[in-house]
Amino acid sequence: MSKKTLIWIGVAVGSTAGGYVPVLWGADMISFSGLLGSVVGGLLGIWVGFKLGD
């Protein structure tokens, strides 16, 4: 797979997982903590995709 594809997969998986984490402690997915989790998960997914592409 190309590096670009791995990064996009990382963004999709990371932002989805990061947005779902606040649900585990009782918050809504559509909340500030859900949005923050999605951003952090997306950034982490970009980093992981970039590292896997090397």
PDB file of N, CA and C in Angstrom:
ATOM      1  N   MET A   1       0.835  -1.182   0.000  1.00  0.00           N
ATOM      2  CA  MET A   1       0.000   0.000   0.000  1.00  0.00           C
ATOM      3  C   MET A   1       0.879   1.243   0.000  1.00  0.00           C
ATOM      4  N   SER A   2       0.355   2.277  -0.563  1.00  0.00           N
ATOM      5  CA  SER A   2       1.123   3.515  -0.593  1.00  0.00           C
ATOM      6  C   SER A   2       1.007   4.232   0.754  1.00  0.00           C
ATOM      7  N   LYS A   3       1.943   5.118   0.979  1.00  0.00           N
ATOM      8  CA  LYS A   3       1.965   5.881   2.222  1.00  0.00           C
ATOM      9  C   LYS A   3       0.695   6.716   2.372  1.00  0.00           C
ATOM     10  N   LYS A   4       0.238   7.272   1.262  1.00  0.00           N
ATOM     11  CA  LYS A   4      -0.962   8.115   1.276  1.00  0.00           C
ATOM     12  C   LYS A   4      -2.189   7.315   1.714  1.00  0.00           C
ATOM     13  N   THR A   5      -2.316   6.098   1.222  1.00  0.00           N
ATOM     14  CA  THR A   5      -3.439   5.241   1.580  1.00  0.00           C
ATOM     15  C   THR A   5      -3.398   4.877   3.057  1.00  0.00           C
ATOM     16  N   LEU A   6      -2.211   4.549   3.550  1.00  0.00           N
ATOM     17  CA  LEU A   6      -2.073   4.201   4.966  1.00  0.00           C
ATOM     18  C   LEU A   6      -2.423   5.377   5.867  1.00  0.00           C
ATOM     19  N   ILE A   7      -2.048   6.579   5.462  1.00  0.00           N
ATOM     20  CA  ILE A   7      -2.369   7.766   6.255  1.00  0.00           C
ATOM     21  C   ILE A   7      -3.879   7.979   6.289  1.00  0.00           C
ATOM     22  N   TRP A   8      -4.565   7.817   5.155  1.00  0.00           N
ATOM     23  CA  TRP A   8      -6.015   8.006   5.122  1.00  0.00           C
ATOM     24  C   TRP A   8      -6.739   6.946   5.938  1.00  0.00           C
ATOM     25  N   ILE A   9      -6.246   5.729   5.895  1.00  0.00           N
ATOM     26  CA  ILE A   9      -6.823   4.678   6.725  1.00  0.00           C
ATOM     27  C   ILE A   9      -6.621   5.018   8.202  1.00  0.00           C
ATOM     28  N   GLY A  10      -5.433   5.504   8.538  1.00  0.00           N
ATOM     29  CA  GLY A  10      -5.155   5.911   9.915  1.00  0.00           C
ATOM     30  C   GLY A  10      -6.060   7.030  10.383  1.00  0.00           C
ATOM     31  N   VAL A  11      -6.320   7.998   9.511  1.00  0.00           N
ATOM     32  CA  VAL A  11      -7.224   9.105   9.857  1.00  0.00           C
ATOM     33  C   VAL A  11      -8.627   8.575  10.119  1.00  0.00           C
ATOM     34  N   ALA A  12      -9.108   7.708   9.233  1.00  0.00           N
ATOM     35  CA  ALA A  12     -10.476   7.188   9.374  1.00  0.00           C
ATOM     36  C   ALA A  12     -10.629   6.361  10.655  1.00  0.00           C
ATOM     37  N   VAL A  13      -9.715   5.448  10.868  1.00  0.00           N
ATOM     38  CA  VAL A  13      -9.811   4.573  12.042  1.00  0.00           C
ATOM     39  C   VAL A  13      -9.556   5.367  13.327  1.00  0.00           C
ATOM     40  N   GLY A  14      -8.546   6.224  13.309  1.00  0.00           N
ATOM     41  CA  GLY A  14      -8.205   6.988  14.504  1.00  0.00           C
ATOM     42  C   GLY A  14      -9.282   7.965  14.919  1.00  0.00           C
ATOM     43  N   SER A  15      -9.860   8.671  13.968  1.00  0.00           N
ATOM     44  CA  SER A  15     -10.890   9.646  14.326  1.00  0.00           C
ATOM     45  C   SER A  15     -12.180   8.949  14.774  1.00  0.00           C
ATOM     46  N   THR A  16     -12.483   7.802  14.182  1.00  0.00           N
ATOM     47  CA  THR A  16     -13.655   7.053  14.619  1.00  0.00           C
ATOM     48  C   THR A  16     -13.463   6.518  16.031  1.00  0.00           C
ATOM     49  N   ALA A  17     -12.318   5.918  16.279  1.00  0.00           N
ATOM     50  CA  ALA A  17     -12.048   5.378  17.618  1.00  0.00           C
ATOM     51  C   ALA A  17     -11.948   6.501  18.648  1.00  0.00           C
ATOM     52  N   GLY A  18     -11.293   7.584  18.290  1.00  0.00           N
ATOM     53  CA  GLY A  18     -11.168   8.704  19.215  1.00  0.00           C
ATOM     54  C   GLY A  18     -12.491   9.369  19.530  1.00  0.00           C
ATOM     55  N   GLY A  19     -13.387   9.398  18.588  1.00  0.00           N
ATOM     56  CA  GLY A  19     -14.701   9.956  18.833  1.00  0.00           C
ATOM     57  C   GLY A  19     -15.588   9.050  19.668  1.00  0.00           C
ATOM     58  N   TYR A  20     -15.297   7.763  19.655  1.00  0.00           N
ATOM     59  CA  TYR A  20     -16.099   6.806  20.418  1.00  0.00           C
ATOM     60  C   TYR A  20     -15.634   6.664  21.862  1.00  0.00           C
ATOM     61  N   VAL A  21     -14.379   6.984  22.160  1.00  0.00           N
ATOM     62  CA  VAL A  21     -13.836   6.813  23.509  1.00  0.00           C
ATOM     63  C   VAL A  21     -14.656   7.545  24.573  1.00  0.00           C
ATOM     64  N   PRO A  22     -15.105   8.787  24.363  1.00  0.00           N
ATOM     65  CA  PRO A  22     -15.908   9.449  25.399  1.00  0.00           C
ATOM     66  C   PRO A  22     -17.223   8.730  25.718  1.00  0.00           C
ATOM     67  N   VAL A  23     -17.737   7.938  24.789  1.00  0.00           N
ATOM     68  CA  VAL A  23     -18.961   7.181  25.036  1.00  0.00           C
ATOM     69  C   VAL A  23     -18.727   6.161  26.152  1.00  0.00           C
ATOM     70  N   LEU A  24     -17.505   5.678  26.264  1.00  0.00           N
ATOM     71  CA  LEU A  24     -17.189   4.683  27.289  1.00  0.00           C
ATOM     72  C   LEU A  24     -17.355   5.230  28.701  1.00  0.00           C
ATOM     73  N   TRP A  25     -17.184   6.540  28.883  1.00  0.00           N
ATOM     74  CA  TRP A  25     -17.397   7.117  30.211  1.00  0.00           C
ATOM     75  C   TRP A  25     -18.699   7.891  30.315  1.00  0.00           C
ATOM     76  N   GLY A  26     -19.593   7.711  29.364  1.00  0.00           N
ATOM     77  CA  GLY A  26     -20.942   8.237  29.478  1.00  0.00           C
ATOM     78  C   GLY A  26     -21.220   9.528  28.733  1.00  0.00           C
ATOM     79  N   ALA A  27     -20.268  10.070  28.032  1.00  0.00           N
ATOM     80  CA  ALA A  27     -20.495  11.299  27.266  1.00  0.00           C
ATOM     81  C   ALA A  27     -21.129  10.947  25.918  1.00  0.00           C
ATOM     82  N   ASP A  28     -21.685  11.941  25.262  1.00  0.00           N
ATOM     83  CA  ASP A  28     -22.245  11.737  23.932  1.00  0.00           C
ATOM     84  C   ASP A  28     -21.147  11.799  22.881  1.00  0.00           C
ATOM     85  N   MET A  29     -21.406  11.147  21.750  1.00  0.00           N
ATOM     86  CA  MET A  29     -20.458  11.248  20.645  1.00  0.00           C
ATOM     87  C   MET A  29     -20.456  12.653  20.062  1.00  0.00           C
ATOM     88  N   ILE A  30     -21.623  13.320  20.134  1.00  0.00           N
ATOM     89  CA  ILE A  30     -21.725  14.690  19.639  1.00  0.00           C
ATOM     90  C   ILE A  30     -21.573  15.617  20.838  1.00  0.00           C
ATOM     91  N   SER A  31     -20.350  15.783  21.275  1.00  0.00           N
ATOM     92  CA  SER A  31     -20.038  16.657  22.401  1.00  0.00           C
ATOM     93  C   SER A  31     -18.626  17.197  22.185  1.00  0.00           C
ATOM     94  N   PHE A  32     -18.230  18.102  23.067  1.00  0.00           N
ATOM     95  CA  PHE A  32     -16.882  18.649  22.943  1.00  0.00           C
ATOM     96  C   PHE A  32     -15.827  17.567  23.150  1.00  0.00           C
ATOM     97  N   SER A  33     -16.057  16.674  24.105  1.00  0.00           N
ATOM     98  CA  SER A  33     -15.084  15.607  24.342  1.00  0.00           C
ATOM     99  C   SER A  33     -15.037  14.635  23.159  1.00  0.00           C
ATOM    100  N   GLY A  34     -16.167  14.400  22.507  1.00  0.00           N
ATOM    101  CA  GLY A  34     -16.172  13.556  21.311  1.00  0.00           C
ATOM    102  C   GLY A  34     -15.417  14.194  20.158  1.00  0.00           C
ATOM    103  N   LEU A  35     -15.605  15.505  20.007  1.00  0.00           N
ATOM    104  CA  LEU A  35     -14.884  16.235  18.962  1.00  0.00           C
ATOM    105  C   LEU A  35     -13.385  16.239  19.244  1.00  0.00           C
ATOM    106  N   LEU A  36     -13.033  16.494  20.485  1.00  0.00           N
ATOM    107  CA  LEU A  36     -11.621  16.497  20.865  1.00  0.00           C
ATOM    108  C   LEU A  36     -10.998  15.118  20.678  1.00  0.00           C
ATOM    109  N   GLY A  37     -11.736  14.083  21.044  1.00  0.00           N
ATOM    110  CA  GLY A  37     -11.248  12.718  20.852  1.00  0.00           C
ATOM    111  C   GLY A  37     -11.046  12.387  19.385  1.00  0.00           C
ATOM    112  N   SER A  38     -11.937  12.859  18.535  1.00  0.00           N
ATOM    113  CA  SER A  38     -11.800  12.630  17.096  1.00  0.00           C
ATOM    114  C   SER A  38     -10.563  13.311  16.540  1.00  0.00           C
ATOM    115  N   VAL A  39     -10.305  14.532  16.993  1.00  0.00           N
ATOM    116  CA  VAL A  39      -9.123  15.257  16.519  1.00  0.00           C
ATOM    117  C   VAL A  39      -7.853  14.554  16.972  1.00  0.00           C
ATOM    118  N   VAL A  40      -7.794  14.188  18.238  1.00  0.00           N
ATOM    119  CA  VAL A  40      -6.603  13.514  18.761  1.00  0.00           C
ATOM    120  C   VAL A  40      -6.416  12.157  18.081  1.00  0.00           C
ATOM    121  N   GLY A  41      -7.498  11.409  17.918  1.00  0.00           N
ATOM    122  CA  GLY A  41      -7.414  10.115  17.244  1.00  0.00           C
ATOM    123  C   GLY A  41      -6.992  10.242  15.788  1.00  0.00           C
ATOM    124  N   GLY A  42      -7.493  11.273  15.117  1.00  0.00           N
ATOM    125  CA  GLY A  42      -7.096  11.505  13.727  1.00  0.00           C
ATOM    126  C   GLY A  42      -5.622  11.841  13.603  1.00  0.00           C
ATOM    127  N   LEU A  43      -5.135  12.689  14.501  1.00  0.00           N
ATOM    128  CA  LEU A  43      -3.706  13.037  14.483  1.00  0.00           C
ATOM    129  C   LEU A  43      -2.833  11.822  14.790  1.00  0.00           C
ATOM    130  N   LEU A  44      -3.270  11.030  15.748  1.00  0.00           N
ATOM    131  CA  LEU A  44      -2.532   9.806  16.064  1.00  0.00           C
ATOM    132  C   LEU A  44      -2.572   8.836  14.880  1.00  0.00           C
ATOM    133  N   GLY A  45      -3.714   8.772  14.191  1.00  0.00           N
ATOM    134  CA  GLY A  45      -3.828   7.919  13.010  1.00  0.00           C
ATOM    135  C   GLY A  45      -2.925   8.371  11.878  1.00  0.00           C
ATOM    136  N   ILE A  46      -2.780   9.693  11.708  1.00  0.00           N
ATOM    137  CA  ILE A  46      -1.853  10.222  10.703  1.00  0.00           C
ATOM    138  C   ILE A  46      -0.434   9.801  11.034  1.00  0.00           C
ATOM    139  N   TRP A  47      -0.064   9.925  12.297  1.00  0.00           N
ATOM    140  CA  TRP A  47       1.294   9.552  12.727  1.00  0.00           C
ATOM    141  C   TRP A  47       1.561   8.062  12.501  1.00  0.00           C
ATOM    142  N   VAL A  48       0.589   7.220  12.889  1.00  0.00           N
ATOM    143  CA  VAL A  48       0.768   5.773  12.718  1.00  0.00           C
ATOM    144  C   VAL A  48       0.831   5.406  11.234  1.00  0.00           C
ATOM    145  N   GLY A  49      -0.034   5.995  10.419  1.00  0.00           N
ATOM    146  CA  GLY A  49       0.001   5.727   8.982  1.00  0.00           C
ATOM    147  C   GLY A  49       1.311   6.161   8.342  1.00  0.00           C
ATOM    148  N   PHE A  50       1.831   7.297   8.796  1.00  0.00           N
ATOM    149  CA  PHE A  50       3.102   7.786   8.273  1.00  0.00           C
ATOM    150  C   PHE A  50       4.232   6.838   8.652  1.00  0.00           C
ATOM    151  N   LYS A  51       4.238   6.381   9.896  1.00  0.00           N
ATOM    152  CA  LYS A  51       5.297   5.464  10.359  1.00  0.00           C
ATOM    153  C   LYS A  51       5.206   4.105   9.653  1.00  0.00           C
ATOM    154  N   LEU A  52       3.979   3.624   9.433  1.00  0.00           N
ATOM    155  CA  LEU A  52       3.830   2.342   8.738  1.00  0.00           C
ATOM    156  C   LEU A  52       4.237   2.448   7.274  1.00  0.00           C
ATOM    157  N   GLY A  53       4.118   3.622   6.689  1.00  0.00           N
ATOM    158  CA  GLY A  53       4.476   3.833   5.295  1.00  0.00           C
ATOM    159  C   GLY A  53       5.967   3.903   5.043  1.00  0.00           C
ATOM    160  N   ASP A  54       6.732   4.104   6.104  1.00  0.00           N
ATOM    161  CA  ASP A  54       8.195   4.184   5.935  1.00  0.00           C
ATOM    162  C   ASP A  54       8.856   2.835   5.793  1.00  0.00           C
TER     163      ASP A  54
END
